[in-house]
C-alpha atoms as a PDB file:
ATOM      1  CA  MET A   1       4.592 -14.866   6.431  1.00  0.00           C
ATOM      2  CA  SER A   2       5.941 -13.474   3.182  1.00  0.00           C
ATOM      3  CA  VAL A   3       8.263 -10.507   2.773  1.00  0.00           C
ATOM      4  CA  ALA A   4       5.658  -8.787   0.588  1.00  0.00           C
ATOM      5  CA  ALA A   5       3.103  -9.148   3.406  1.00  0.00           C
ATOM      6  CA  ILE A   6       5.150  -6.918   5.712  1.00  0.00           C
ATOM      7  CA  LEU A   7       6.161  -4.434   3.011  1.00  0.00           C
ATOM      8  CA  SER A   8       4.235  -1.794   1.081  1.00  0.00           C
ATOM      9  CA  PRO A   9       5.183   0.726  -1.602  1.00  0.00           C
ATOM     10  CA  GLU A  10       4.855   3.531   0.961  1.00  0.00           C
ATOM     11  CA  ARG A  11       7.746   1.958   2.899  1.00  0.00           C
ATOM     12  CA  ILE A  12      10.103   1.717  -0.084  1.00  0.00           C
ATOM     13  CA  PHE A  13      12.516   4.450  -1.090  1.00  0.00           C
ATOM     14  CA  ILE A  14      14.650   4.463  -4.226  1.00  0.00           C
ATOM     15  CA  ALA A  15      17.615   6.792  -3.671  1.00  0.00           C
ATOM     16  CA  GLY A  16      19.263   7.963  -6.849  1.00  0.00           C
ATOM     17  CA  PRO A  17      19.274  10.742  -9.414  1.00  0.00           C
ATOM     18  CA  GLY A  18      16.468  13.199  -8.730  1.00  0.00           C
ATOM     19  CA  GLU A  19      15.829  11.822  -5.239  1.00  0.00           C
ATOM     20  CA  ALA A  20      17.276  12.659  -1.851  1.00  0.00           C
ATOM     21  CA  GLN A  21      20.628  10.973  -1.523  1.00  0.00           C
ATOM     22  CA  VAL A  22      21.501   8.450   1.173  1.00  0.00           C
ATOM     23  CA  PRO A  23      25.278   8.946   1.567  1.00  0.00           C
ATOM     24  CA  ASP A  24      26.031   6.738   4.581  1.00  0.00           C
ATOM     25  CA  LYS A  25      24.758   4.322   7.215  1.00  0.00           C
ATOM     26  CA  ALA A  26      23.457   7.080   9.500  1.00  0.00           C
ATOM     27  CA  ALA A  27      21.400   8.573   6.675  1.00  0.00           C
ATOM     28  CA  ALA A  28      20.091   5.117   5.745  1.00  0.00           C
ATOM     29  CA  LEU A  29      18.907   4.464   9.314  1.00  0.00           C
ATOM     30  CA  GLU A  30      17.299   7.908   9.426  1.00  0.00           C
ATOM     31  CA  ARG A  31      15.504   7.280   6.117  1.00  0.00           C
ATOM     32  CA  LEU A  32      14.286   3.862   7.323  1.00  0.00           C
ATOM     33  CA  SER A  33      12.955   5.385  10.541  1.00  0.00           C
ATOM     34  CA  HIS A  34      11.156   8.020   8.467  1.00  0.00           C
ATOM     35  CA  LEU A  35       9.556   5.333   6.284  1.00  0.00           C
ATOM     36  CA  PHE A  36       8.430   3.387   9.342  1.00  0.00           C
ATOM     37  CA  ALA A  37       7.112   6.485  11.140  1.00  0.00           C
ATOM     38  CA  ARG A  38       4.974   7.647   8.240  1.00  0.00           C
ATOM     39  CA  ALA A  39       3.562   4.189   7.600  1.00  0.00           C
ATOM     40  CA  SER A  40       0.139   3.087   8.674  1.00  0.00           C
ATOM     41  CA  VAL A  41       0.222   0.439  11.348  1.00  0.00           C
ATOM     42  CA  GLY A  42      -2.454  -2.194  11.091  1.00  0.00           C
ATOM     43  CA  ARG A  43      -5.520  -2.038   8.900  1.00  0.00           C
ATOM     44  CA  GLY A  44      -5.850   1.590   7.855  1.00  0.00           C
ATOM     45  CA  ALA A  45      -4.691   2.954  11.197  1.00  0.00           C
ATOM     46  CA  ALA A  46      -3.053   6.334  11.458  1.00  0.00           C
ATOM     47  CA  PRO A  47       0.726   6.463  11.845  1.00  0.00           C
ATOM     48  CA  THR A  48       1.646   5.727  15.443  1.00  0.00           C
ATOM     49  CA  LEU A  49       5.400   5.106  15.356  1.00  0.00           C
ATOM     50  CA  ASP A  50       7.775   7.772  16.601  1.00  0.00           C
ATOM     51  CA  GLN A  51      10.605   8.401  14.129  1.00  0.00           C
ATOM     52  CA  ASP A  52      13.176   9.309  16.780  1.00  0.00           C
ATOM     53  CA  ALA A  53      12.372   6.217  18.850  1.00  0.00           C
ATOM     54  CA  ILE A  54      12.631   3.962  15.790  1.00  0.00           C
ATOM     55  CA  GLN A  55      15.893   5.552  14.749  1.00  0.00           C
ATOM     56  CA  GLN A  56      17.291   5.020  18.251  1.00  0.00           C
ATOM     57  CA  ILE A  57      16.303   1.332  18.149  1.00  0.00           C
ATOM     58  CA  LEU A  58      18.028   0.865  14.780  1.00  0.00           C
ATOM     59  CA  VAL A  59      21.146   2.799  15.820  1.00  0.00           C
ATOM     60  CA  GLU A  60      21.436   0.797  19.061  1.00  0.00           C
ATOM     61  CA  ARG A  61      21.180  -2.450  17.094  1.00  0.00           C
ATOM     62  CA  GLU A  62      23.979  -1.272  14.765  1.00  0.00           C
ATOM     63  CA  ARG A  63      26.152  -0.422  17.786  1.00  0.00           C
ATOM     64  CA  GLN A  64      25.880  -4.031  18.925  1.00  0.00           C
ATOM     65  CA  HIS A  65      26.940  -5.437  15.559  1.00  0.00           C
ATOM     66  CA  SER A  66      26.546  -4.300  11.967  1.00  0.00           C
ATOM     67  CA  THR A  67      23.522  -5.677  10.180  1.00  0.00           C
ATOM     68  CA  GLY A  68      25.410  -5.557   6.875  1.00  0.00           C
ATOM     69  CA  VAL A  69      25.165  -9.227   5.937  1.00  0.00           C
ATOM     70  CA  GLY A  70      27.298  -9.075   2.792  1.00  0.00           C
ATOM     71  CA  GLY A  71      26.595  -9.123  -0.911  1.00  0.00           C
ATOM     72  CA  GLY A  72      25.554  -5.463  -0.854  1.00  0.00           C
ATOM     73  CA  VAL A  73      22.762  -6.102   1.678  1.00  0.00           C
ATOM     74  CA  ALA A  74      22.002  -4.860   5.194  1.00  0.00           C
ATOM     75  CA  ILE A  75      19.020  -5.829   7.342  1.00  0.00           C
ATOM     76  CA  PRO A  76      18.664  -3.388  10.263  1.00  0.00           C
ATOM     77  CA  HIS A  77      16.020  -4.637  12.670  1.00  0.00           C
ATOM     78  CA  GLY A  78      14.540  -4.247  16.106  1.00  0.00           C
ATOM     79  CA  ALA A  79      11.548  -4.670  18.381  1.00  0.00           C
ATOM     80  CA  VAL A  80       9.042  -1.940  19.210  1.00  0.00           C
ATOM     81  CA  GLU A  81       6.783  -2.110  22.253  1.00  0.00           C
ATOM     82  CA  SER A  82       3.823  -0.424  20.528  1.00  0.00           C
ATOM     83  CA  LEU A  83       3.744  -2.770  17.526  1.00  0.00           C
ATOM     84  CA  ASP A  84       1.562  -5.833  17.243  1.00  0.00           C
ATOM     85  CA  VAL A  85       2.593  -6.684  13.656  1.00  0.00           C
ATOM     86  CA  HIS A  86       5.874  -6.928  11.759  1.00  0.00           C
ATOM     87  CA  LEU A  87       6.714  -4.144   9.317  1.00  0.00           C
ATOM     88  CA  GLY A  88       9.340  -3.967   6.616  1.00  0.00           C
ATOM     89  CA  ALA A  89      10.899  -1.039   4.770  1.00  0.00           C
ATOM     90  CA  LEU A  90      13.290  -1.121   1.838  1.00  0.00           C
ATOM     91  CA  LEU A  91      15.922   1.356   0.674  1.00  0.00           C
ATOM     92  CA  VAL A  92      17.509   0.941  -2.733  1.00  0.00           C
ATOM     93  CA  VAL A  93      20.655   3.063  -2.564  1.00  0.00           C
ATOM     94  CA  THR A  94      22.866   4.033  -5.495  1.00  0.00           C
ATOM     95  CA  PRO A  95      25.698   4.504  -5.293  1.00  0.00           C
ATOM     96  CA  ALA A  96      26.275   1.868  -2.608  1.00  0.00           C
ATOM     97  CA  ILE A  97      27.226   3.106   0.858  1.00  0.00           C
ATOM     98  CA  PRO A  98      29.689   1.944   3.537  1.00  0.00           C
ATOM     99  CA  PHE A  99      27.865  -0.122   6.153  1.00  0.00           C
ATOM    100  CA  ALA A 100      30.567  -2.146   7.951  1.00  0.00           C
ATOM    101  CA  ALA A 101      29.164  -5.258   6.281  1.00  0.00           C
ATOM    102  CA  SER A 102      30.579  -8.683   7.110  1.00  0.00           C
ATOM    103  CA  ASP A 103      32.292  -8.894   3.697  1.00  0.00           C
ATOM    104  CA  GLY A 104      33.597  -5.306   3.839  1.00  0.00           C
ATOM    105  CA  GLN A 105      31.628  -4.361   0.725  1.00  0.00           C
ATOM    106  CA  PRO A 106      29.346  -1.326   0.443  1.00  0.00           C
ATOM    107  CA  VAL A 107      25.585  -1.808   0.655  1.00  0.00           C
ATOM    108  CA  SER A 108      22.944  -0.893  -1.898  1.00  0.00           C
ATOM    109  CA  LEU A 109      19.922  -2.752  -0.496  1.00  0.00           C
ATOM    110  CA  VAL A 110      18.872  -1.925   3.065  1.00  0.00           C
ATOM    111  CA  PHE A 111      15.835  -3.837   4.291  1.00  0.00           C
ATOM    112  CA  GLY A 112      14.552  -2.706   7.688  1.00  0.00           C
ATOM    113  CA  LEU A 113      12.444  -4.953   9.884  1.00  0.00           C
ATOM    114  CA  LEU A 114      10.487  -3.932  12.972  1.00  0.00           C
ATOM    115  CA  GLY A 115       8.428  -6.306  15.046  1.00  0.00           C
ATOM    116  CA  PRO A 116       6.607  -6.517  18.329  1.00  0.00           C
ATOM    117  CA  ARG A 117       8.432  -7.384  21.532  1.00  0.00           C
ATOM    118  CA  GLY A 118       7.798 -10.985  22.456  1.00  0.00           C
ATOM    119  CA  ALA A 119       7.612 -12.224  18.852  1.00  0.00           C
ATOM    120  CA  ALA A 120      11.227 -13.367  18.534  1.00  0.00           C
ATOM    121  CA  ALA A 121      10.446 -16.607  16.705  1.00  0.00           C
ATOM    122  CA  GLN A 122       8.474 -14.890  13.952  1.00  0.00           C
ATOM    123  CA  HIS A 123      11.063 -12.096  13.814  1.00  0.00           C
ATOM    124  CA  LEU A 124      13.855 -14.628  13.219  1.00  0.00           C
ATOM    125  CA  LYS A 125      11.818 -16.401  10.532  1.00  0.00           C
ATOM    126  CA  LEU A 126      11.260 -13.101   8.737  1.00  0.00           C
ATOM    127  CA  LEU A 127      14.940 -12.176   8.988  1.00  0.00           C
ATOM    128  CA  ALA A 128      15.811 -15.530   7.425  1.00  0.00           C
ATOM    129  CA  ARG A 129      13.242 -15.061   4.662  1.00  0.00           C
ATOM    130  CA  ILE A 130      14.524 -11.560   3.857  1.00  0.00           C
ATOM    131  CA  ALA A 131      18.123 -12.807   3.845  1.00  0.00           C
ATOM    132  CA  ARG A 132      17.176 -15.690   1.559  1.00  0.00           C
ATOM    133  CA  LEU A 133      15.451 -13.337  -0.879  1.00  0.00           C
ATOM    134  CA  LEU A 134      18.298 -10.816  -0.951  1.00  0.00           C
ATOM    135  CA  ARG A 135      21.094 -13.393  -1.033  1.00  0.00           C
ATOM    136  CA  ASP A 136      20.140 -14.243  -4.630  1.00  0.00           C
ATOM    137  CA  ASP A 137      22.168 -12.340  -7.276  1.00  0.00           C
ATOM    138  CA  VAL A 138      19.219 -12.167  -9.679  1.00  0.00           C
ATOM    139  CA  ALA A 139      16.873 -10.855  -6.972  1.00  0.00           C
ATOM    140  CA  ARG A 140      19.349  -8.149  -5.964  1.00  0.00           C
ATOM    141  CA  ALA A 141      19.853  -7.096  -9.590  1.00  0.00           C
ATOM    142  CA  ARG A 142      16.094  -6.919 -10.176  1.00  0.00           C
ATOM    143  CA  LEU A 143      15.558  -4.754  -7.096  1.00  0.00           C
ATOM    144  CA  LEU A 144      18.444  -2.461  -7.992  1.00  0.00           C
ATOM    145  CA  ALA A 145      16.864  -1.940 -11.421  1.00  0.00           C
ATOM    146  CA  ALA A 146      13.464  -0.930  -9.999  1.00  0.00           C
ATOM    147  CA  GLY A 147      12.262   2.407 -11.330  1.00  0.00           C
ATOM    148  CA  ASP A 148      10.158   3.421  -8.350  1.00  0.00           C
ATOM    149  CA  ALA A 149       8.669   2.144  -5.097  1.00  0.00           C
ATOM    150  CA  ALA A 150       5.666   0.462  -6.729  1.00  0.00           C
ATOM    151  CA  ASP A 151       7.967  -1.301  -9.191  1.00  0.00           C
ATOM    152  CA  ALA A 152      10.270  -2.493  -6.388  1.00  0.00           C
ATOM    153  CA  PHE A 153       7.280  -3.814  -4.429  1.00  0.00           C
ATOM    154  CA  GLU A 154       6.016  -5.749  -7.444  1.00  0.00           C
ATOM    155  CA  ARG A 155       9.485  -7.181  -7.975  1.00  0.00           C
ATOM    156  CA  VAL A 156       9.546  -8.446  -4.364  1.00  0.00           C
ATOM    157  CA  ARG A 157       6.161 -10.100  -4.917  1.00  0.00           C
ATOM    158  CA  GLU A 158       7.302 -11.690  -8.186  1.00  0.00           C
ATOM    159  CA  LEU A 159      10.549 -12.934  -6.671  1.00  0.00           C
ATOM    160  CA  GLU A 160       8.700 -14.567  -3.794  1.00  0.00           C
ATOM    161  CA  ARG A 161       6.203 -16.206  -6.141  1.00  0.00           C
ATOM    162  CA  GLY A 162       9.187 -17.759  -7.925  1.00  0.00           C
ATOM    163  CA  TRP A 163      10.272 -19.697  -4.818  1.00  0.00           C
END
């Protein structure tokens, strides 16, 4: 499964001038949970994810160990009982925020991943695919330069086609 297949422009937020700021990890997790909660689940279904429950899942995961993987990237993730598909959400945050990343550097790309319970193998494959995409300096630079959510989504699609 591709990264673009689990993502959509409605689950991408570019934080910067003229937009709501994302000043820290807590705000980033809150924004991700908001993106997931307002998203349609499945084919045209109404939103069914509870923002508070999603935020709690992401916060609990961060308490276990930071999902800041280094290179300005974090990949908060978790499993949700009510999901039967994987969903991704992307925050592009400028200026970069502290995230207790493995390299001690601030984070500017936060890619959230939610999946169904019992789908650990696919979840791990998607985490690896996201990490591979965002580990590339050129890919990170292209995403950081995105003008809006639709542009960022297209850049993800283009980057994956280049593999």
